C-alpha cells in the first residue's frame, strides 16, 4: 500500500492506495499549528480487515512525531486505538 498526505488550508487527507485504487483515508483538520484533529477514518468495504486503517493511523502518528505535533481525535476508531495502547501517549493532545 502506498500512502499519500495532502493538505488544502487547514484540512488534510492521508490516503492509502493499491495502485490507482483508493483503499481508505483519514481526514483531519488543524485545530492549531501544533494540533491535528483526526475526524474520520474510512476504509473501502472490499479492503476491510486488511489493516488499512491501522496503517493510515501509523502514518499520521509518524508524521506527528517527526514534526513535533499532537493529535486530537473526533474519530471513534482512533479514539479506541489511543485508549487501548500507551504507544500513542507521546502524540495525544491533552
C-alpha atoms as a PDB file:
ATOM      1  CA  UNK A   1       0.000   0.000   0.000  1.00  0.00           C
ATOM      2  CA  UNK A   2       1.224   3.466  -0.907  1.00  0.00           C
ATOM      3  CA  UNK A   3       0.184   6.293   1.429  1.00  0.00           C
ATOM      4  CA  UNK A   4      -0.034   9.941   0.401  1.00  0.00           C
ATOM      5  CA  UNK A   5      -0.771  13.021   2.531  1.00  0.00           C
ATOM      6  CA  UNK A   6      -2.311  16.153   1.062  1.00  0.00           C
ATOM      7  CA  UNK A   7      -3.449  19.411   2.623  1.00  0.00           C
ATOM      8  CA  UNK A   8      -5.521  22.359   1.497  1.00  0.00           C
ATOM      9  CA  UNK A   9      -5.714  25.166   4.009  1.00  0.00           C
ATOM     10  CA  UNK A  10      -6.430  23.654   7.421  1.00  0.00           C
ATOM     11  CA  UNK A  11      -7.891  20.412   6.030  1.00  0.00           C
ATOM     12  CA  UNK A  12      -5.946  17.308   5.132  1.00  0.00           C
ATOM     13  CA  UNK A  13      -6.205  13.729   3.925  1.00  0.00           C
ATOM     14  CA  UNK A  14      -3.998  10.714   4.394  1.00  0.00           C
ATOM     15  CA  UNK A  15      -4.943   8.240   1.680  1.00  0.00           C
ATOM     16  CA  UNK A  16      -3.902   4.638   1.129  1.00  0.00           C
ATOM     17  CA  UNK A  17      -3.692   3.309  -2.424  1.00  0.00           C
ATOM     18  CA  UNK A  18      -3.321  -0.062  -4.082  1.00  0.00           C
ATOM     19  CA  UNK A  19      -2.025   1.096  -7.443  1.00  0.00           C
ATOM     20  CA  UNK A  20      -4.573   3.701  -8.579  1.00  0.00           C
ATOM     21  CA  UNK A  21      -7.322   2.356  -6.327  1.00  0.00           C
ATOM     22  CA  UNK A  22      -8.103   4.195  -3.099  1.00  0.00           C
ATOM     23  CA  UNK A  23      -8.252   1.731  -0.198  1.00  0.00           C
ATOM     24  CA  UNK A  24      -9.162   4.193   2.554  1.00  0.00           C
ATOM     25  CA  UNK A  25      -8.376   7.537   4.124  1.00  0.00           C
ATOM     26  CA  UNK A  26      -8.051   9.577   7.281  1.00  0.00           C
ATOM     27  CA  UNK A  27      -9.422  13.123   7.192  1.00  0.00           C
ATOM     28  CA  UNK A  28      -8.200  15.763   9.619  1.00  0.00           C
ATOM     29  CA  UNK A  29      -8.214  19.468  10.340  1.00  0.00           C
ATOM     30  CA  UNK A  30      -5.552  21.575  12.006  1.00  0.00           C
ATOM     31  CA  UNK A  31      -7.006  22.926  15.265  1.00  0.00           C
ATOM     32  CA  UNK A  32      -3.836  24.993  15.719  1.00  0.00           C
ATOM     33  CA  UNK A  33      -0.313  24.986  14.324  1.00  0.00           C
ATOM     34  CA  UNK A  34       0.554  22.156  16.712  1.00  0.00           C
ATOM     35  CA  UNK A  35      -2.636  20.030  16.872  1.00  0.00           C
ATOM     36  CA  UNK A  36      -4.231  17.950  14.130  1.00  0.00           C
ATOM     37  CA  UNK A  37      -7.740  16.657  14.811  1.00  0.00           C
ATOM     38  CA  UNK A  38      -8.406  13.332  13.093  1.00  0.00           C
ATOM     39  CA  UNK A  39     -12.087  13.426  12.216  1.00  0.00           C
ATOM     40  CA  UNK A  40     -12.748  10.282  10.198  1.00  0.00           C
ATOM     41  CA  UNK A  41     -11.112   7.009   9.258  1.00  0.00           C
ATOM     42  CA  UNK A  42     -12.786   5.371   6.274  1.00  0.00           C
ATOM     43  CA  UNK A  43     -11.852   2.060   4.632  1.00  0.00           C
ATOM     44  CA  UNK A  44     -13.462   0.886   1.409  1.00  0.00           C
ATOM     45  CA  UNK A  45     -15.564  -2.232   2.141  1.00  0.00           C
ATOM     46  CA  UNK A  46     -13.528  -4.537  -0.083  1.00  0.00           C
ATOM     47  CA  UNK A  47     -10.362  -3.601   1.851  1.00  0.00           C
ATOM     48  CA  UNK A  48     -11.753  -4.006   5.360  1.00  0.00           C
ATOM     49  CA  UNK A  49      -9.831  -6.374   7.613  1.00  0.00           C
ATOM     50  CA  UNK A  50      -6.517  -5.790   5.827  1.00  0.00           C
ATOM     51  CA  UNK A  51      -5.011  -3.359   8.348  1.00  0.00           C
ATOM     52  CA  UNK A  52      -5.604  -0.307   6.171  1.00  0.00           C
ATOM     53  CA  UNK A  53      -6.998   1.865   8.991  1.00  0.00           C
ATOM     54  CA  UNK A  54      -4.103   0.985  11.305  1.00  0.00           C
ATOM     55  CA  UNK A  55      -1.545   1.708   8.564  1.00  0.00           C
ATOM     56  CA  UNK A  56      -3.121   5.120   7.943  1.00  0.00           C
ATOM     57  CA  UNK A  57      -3.123   5.908  11.659  1.00  0.00           C
ATOM     58  CA  UNK A  58       0.507   4.838  11.977  1.00  0.00           C
ATOM     59  CA  UNK A  59       1.374   7.190   9.108  1.00  0.00           C
ATOM     60  CA  UNK A  60      -0.394  10.080  10.908  1.00  0.00           C
ATOM     61  CA  UNK A  61       1.371   9.234  14.182  1.00  0.00           C
ATOM     62  CA  UNK A  62       4.769   9.030  12.471  1.00  0.00           C
ATOM     63  CA  UNK A  63       4.116  12.420  10.845  1.00  0.00           C
ATOM     64  CA  UNK A  64       3.187  13.908  14.232  1.00  0.00           C
ATOM     65  CA  UNK A  65       6.303  12.502  15.879  1.00  0.00           C
ATOM     66  CA  UNK A  66       8.646  13.679  13.138  1.00  0.00           C
ATOM     67  CA  UNK A  67       7.147  17.178  13.134  1.00  0.00           C
ATOM     68  CA  UNK A  68       6.609  17.653  16.883  1.00  0.00           C
ATOM     69  CA  UNK A  69       2.803  17.794  16.501  1.00  0.00           C
ATOM     70  CA  UNK A  70      -0.023  16.428  18.635  1.00  0.00           C
ATOM     71  CA  UNK A  71      -3.140  14.503  17.630  1.00  0.00           C
ATOM     72  CA  UNK A  72      -6.631  15.147  18.897  1.00  0.00           C
ATOM     73  CA  UNK A  73      -9.396  12.889  17.692  1.00  0.00           C
ATOM     74  CA  UNK A  74     -13.082  13.073  16.856  1.00  0.00           C
ATOM     75  CA  UNK A  75     -12.833   9.641  15.216  1.00  0.00           C
ATOM     76  CA  UNK A  76     -14.093   6.619  17.176  1.00  0.00           C
ATOM     77  CA  UNK A  77     -11.536   4.261  15.581  1.00  0.00           C
ATOM     78  CA  UNK A  78      -8.574   6.446  16.525  1.00  0.00           C
ATOM     79  CA  UNK A  79     -10.005   7.116  19.986  1.00  0.00           C
ATOM     80  CA  UNK A  80     -10.306   3.359  20.585  1.00  0.00           C
ATOM     81  CA  UNK A  81      -6.715   2.760  19.419  1.00  0.00           C
ATOM     82  CA  UNK A  82      -5.445   5.568  21.657  1.00  0.00           C
ATOM     83  CA  UNK A  83      -7.358   4.178  24.649  1.00  0.00           C
ATOM     84  CA  UNK A  84      -6.135   0.593  24.124  1.00  0.00           C
ATOM     85  CA  UNK A  85      -2.437   1.342  23.961  1.00  0.00           C
ATOM     86  CA  UNK A  86       0.032   3.660  25.620  1.00  0.00           C
ATOM     87  CA  UNK A  87       2.065   3.585  22.389  1.00  0.00           C
ATOM     88  CA  UNK A  88       0.386   6.802  21.273  1.00  0.00           C
ATOM     89  CA  UNK A  89       0.686   8.767  24.531  1.00  0.00           C
ATOM     90  CA  UNK A  90       3.522  10.929  23.201  1.00  0.00           C
ATOM     91  CA  UNK A  91       1.341  12.334  20.392  1.00  0.00           C
ATOM     92  CA  UNK A  92      -2.014  12.614  22.192  1.00  0.00           C
ATOM     93  CA  UNK A  93      -3.188  16.179  22.586  1.00  0.00           C
ATOM     94  CA  UNK A  94      -4.033  16.963  26.208  1.00  0.00           C
END
